[in-house]
């Protein structure tokens, strides 16, 4: 099961049913590669957000997250190796 952790403290505002659906899809996925197959609008970001990923919610807004490297996965380009992600922000416009 792909596990996720919220970065920082405080409340992350929920964005309708789509956020719940994405979180359910993440819980059911064995790893990031499997989640990407289920949710085709999941993609790595570029530029100053390199290393972070976005799963689209509505319009240009998405769920911003990053894979968490474990001791067994120090550096890899194989997204199926990532089984833990850290949720960074909900409802961010990643197209800006």
C-alpha atoms as a PDB file:
ATOM      1  CA  UNK A   1       0.000   0.000   0.000  1.00  0.00           C
ATOM      2  CA  UNK A   2       1.333   3.450  -0.950  1.00  0.00           C
ATOM      3  CA  UNK A   3       1.479   5.455   2.272  1.00  0.00           C
ATOM      4  CA  UNK A   4       1.450   9.228   2.501  1.00  0.00           C
ATOM      5  CA  UNK A   5       2.466  11.755   5.120  1.00  0.00           C
ATOM      6  CA  UNK A   6       1.403  15.367   5.393  1.00  0.00           C
ATOM      7  CA  UNK A   7       4.332  17.778   5.522  1.00  0.00           C
ATOM      8  CA  UNK A   8       4.392  20.257   8.367  1.00  0.00           C
ATOM      9  CA  UNK A   9       1.593  20.859  10.796  1.00  0.00           C
ATOM     10  CA  UNK A  10      -1.825  22.387  10.494  1.00  0.00           C
ATOM     11  CA  UNK A  11      -4.898  21.697   8.429  1.00  0.00           C
ATOM     12  CA  UNK A  12      -4.735  21.078   4.674  1.00  0.00           C
ATOM     13  CA  UNK A  13      -8.023  22.323   3.213  1.00  0.00           C
ATOM     14  CA  UNK A  14      -9.992  19.638   1.410  1.00  0.00           C
ATOM     15  CA  UNK A  15     -10.912  20.219  -2.252  1.00  0.00           C
ATOM     16  CA  UNK A  16     -14.173  18.396  -2.929  1.00  0.00           C
ATOM     17  CA  UNK A  17     -14.606  14.745  -3.774  1.00  0.00           C
ATOM     18  CA  UNK A  18     -11.545  14.667  -6.042  1.00  0.00           C
ATOM     19  CA  UNK A  19      -9.116  14.985  -3.140  1.00  0.00           C
ATOM     20  CA  UNK A  20     -10.787  12.071  -1.358  1.00  0.00           C
ATOM     21  CA  UNK A  21     -10.677  10.045  -4.571  1.00  0.00           C
ATOM     22  CA  UNK A  22      -6.941  10.731  -5.078  1.00  0.00           C
ATOM     23  CA  UNK A  23      -6.155   9.784  -1.473  1.00  0.00           C
ATOM     24  CA  UNK A  24      -8.175   6.565  -1.837  1.00  0.00           C
ATOM     25  CA  UNK A  25      -6.291   5.762  -5.055  1.00  0.00           C
ATOM     26  CA  UNK A  26      -2.989   6.358  -3.252  1.00  0.00           C
ATOM     27  CA  UNK A  27      -4.000   4.080  -0.379  1.00  0.00           C
ATOM     28  CA  UNK A  28      -4.891   1.296  -2.823  1.00  0.00           C
ATOM     29  CA  UNK A  29      -1.719   1.604  -4.931  1.00  0.00           C
ATOM     30  CA  UNK A  30       1.274  -0.536  -4.050  1.00  0.00           C
ATOM     31  CA  UNK A  31       3.706   2.162  -5.210  1.00  0.00           C
ATOM     32  CA  UNK A  32       3.969   5.417  -7.154  1.00  0.00           C
ATOM     33  CA  UNK A  33       4.186   3.578 -10.492  1.00  0.00           C
ATOM     34  CA  UNK A  34       0.892   1.822  -9.856  1.00  0.00           C
ATOM     35  CA  UNK A  35      -0.777   5.078  -8.782  1.00  0.00           C
ATOM     36  CA  UNK A  36       0.428   6.740 -12.003  1.00  0.00           C
ATOM     37  CA  UNK A  37      -1.188   3.940 -14.031  1.00  0.00           C
ATOM     38  CA  UNK A  38      -4.511   4.413 -12.202  1.00  0.00           C
ATOM     39  CA  UNK A  39      -4.384   8.208 -12.346  1.00  0.00           C
ATOM     40  CA  UNK A  40      -2.930   9.169 -15.718  1.00  0.00           C
ATOM     41  CA  UNK A  41      -2.829  12.880 -14.808  1.00  0.00           C
ATOM     42  CA  UNK A  42      -0.120  12.204 -12.220  1.00  0.00           C
ATOM     43  CA  UNK A  43       3.148  13.683 -13.461  1.00  0.00           C
ATOM     44  CA  UNK A  44       6.569  14.867 -12.310  1.00  0.00           C
ATOM     45  CA  UNK A  45       7.136  18.619 -12.244  1.00  0.00           C
ATOM     46  CA  UNK A  46       9.970  20.612 -13.806  1.00  0.00           C
ATOM     47  CA  UNK A  47      11.987  23.735 -13.048  1.00  0.00           C
ATOM     48  CA  UNK A  48      11.989  24.938  -9.447  1.00  0.00           C
ATOM     49  CA  UNK A  49       9.594  22.088  -8.549  1.00  0.00           C
ATOM     50  CA  UNK A  50      11.820  19.314  -9.912  1.00  0.00           C
ATOM     51  CA  UNK A  51      11.599  16.218  -7.716  1.00  0.00           C
ATOM     52  CA  UNK A  52       7.975  16.933  -6.858  1.00  0.00           C
ATOM     53  CA  UNK A  53       4.876  15.445  -8.459  1.00  0.00           C
ATOM     54  CA  UNK A  54       1.324  16.598  -9.077  1.00  0.00           C
ATOM     55  CA  UNK A  55      -1.924  14.651  -9.291  1.00  0.00           C
ATOM     56  CA  UNK A  56      -4.585  16.796 -10.928  1.00  0.00           C
ATOM     57  CA  UNK A  57      -7.680  17.685  -8.938  1.00  0.00           C
ATOM     58  CA  UNK A  58      -9.765  20.268 -10.793  1.00  0.00           C
ATOM     59  CA  UNK A  59      -8.748  22.752 -13.461  1.00  0.00           C
ATOM     60  CA  UNK A  60      -5.098  23.754 -13.025  1.00  0.00           C
ATOM     61  CA  UNK A  61      -5.152  22.768  -9.338  1.00  0.00           C
ATOM     62  CA  UNK A  62      -3.524  19.648  -8.027  1.00  0.00           C
ATOM     63  CA  UNK A  63      -2.220  17.647  -5.128  1.00  0.00           C
ATOM     64  CA  UNK A  64       1.494  18.444  -4.796  1.00  0.00           C
ATOM     65  CA  UNK A  65       3.647  15.666  -3.335  1.00  0.00           C
ATOM     66  CA  UNK A  66       7.147  14.234  -3.351  1.00  0.00           C
ATOM     67  CA  UNK A  67       8.435  10.663  -3.163  1.00  0.00           C
ATOM     68  CA  UNK A  68      10.217   9.861   0.097  1.00  0.00           C
ATOM     69  CA  UNK A  69      13.528   8.097  -0.308  1.00  0.00           C
ATOM     70  CA  UNK A  70      14.049   5.211   2.070  1.00  0.00           C
ATOM     71  CA  UNK A  71      17.376   3.690   3.057  1.00  0.00           C
ATOM     72  CA  UNK A  72      16.800   0.877   0.570  1.00  0.00           C
ATOM     73  CA  UNK A  73      16.027   3.326  -2.258  1.00  0.00           C
ATOM     74  CA  UNK A  74      18.777   5.927  -2.100  1.00  0.00           C
ATOM     75  CA  UNK A  75      18.563   7.126  -5.688  1.00  0.00           C
ATOM     76  CA  UNK A  76      16.435   5.681  -8.436  1.00  0.00           C
ATOM     77  CA  UNK A  77      14.606   6.620 -11.599  1.00  0.00           C
ATOM     78  CA  UNK A  78      12.223   3.676 -11.206  1.00  0.00           C
ATOM     79  CA  UNK A  79       8.999   5.173  -9.807  1.00  0.00           C
ATOM     80  CA  UNK A  80       7.767   1.739  -8.766  1.00  0.00           C
ATOM     81  CA  UNK A  81      10.496   1.800  -6.072  1.00  0.00           C
ATOM     82  CA  UNK A  82       8.704   4.599  -4.183  1.00  0.00           C
ATOM     83  CA  UNK A  83       6.174   3.327  -1.663  1.00  0.00           C
ATOM     84  CA  UNK A  84       5.959   6.425   0.566  1.00  0.00           C
ATOM     85  CA  UNK A  85       5.127   9.976  -0.482  1.00  0.00           C
ATOM     86  CA  UNK A  86       4.934  13.252   1.438  1.00  0.00           C
ATOM     87  CA  UNK A  87       1.945  15.467   0.634  1.00  0.00           C
ATOM     88  CA  UNK A  88       3.165  19.044   0.397  1.00  0.00           C
ATOM     89  CA  UNK A  89       0.153  21.092  -0.677  1.00  0.00           C
ATOM     90  CA  UNK A  90      -3.452  20.686  -1.776  1.00  0.00           C
ATOM     91  CA  UNK A  91      -5.075  22.891  -4.405  1.00  0.00           C
ATOM     92  CA  UNK A  92      -1.860  24.396  -5.775  1.00  0.00           C
ATOM     93  CA  UNK A  93      -1.749  25.677  -9.342  1.00  0.00           C
ATOM     94  CA  UNK A  94       1.258  23.765 -10.664  1.00  0.00           C
ATOM     95  CA  UNK A  95       0.981  25.438 -14.077  1.00  0.00           C
ATOM     96  CA  UNK A  96       2.183  28.840 -12.884  1.00  0.00           C
END
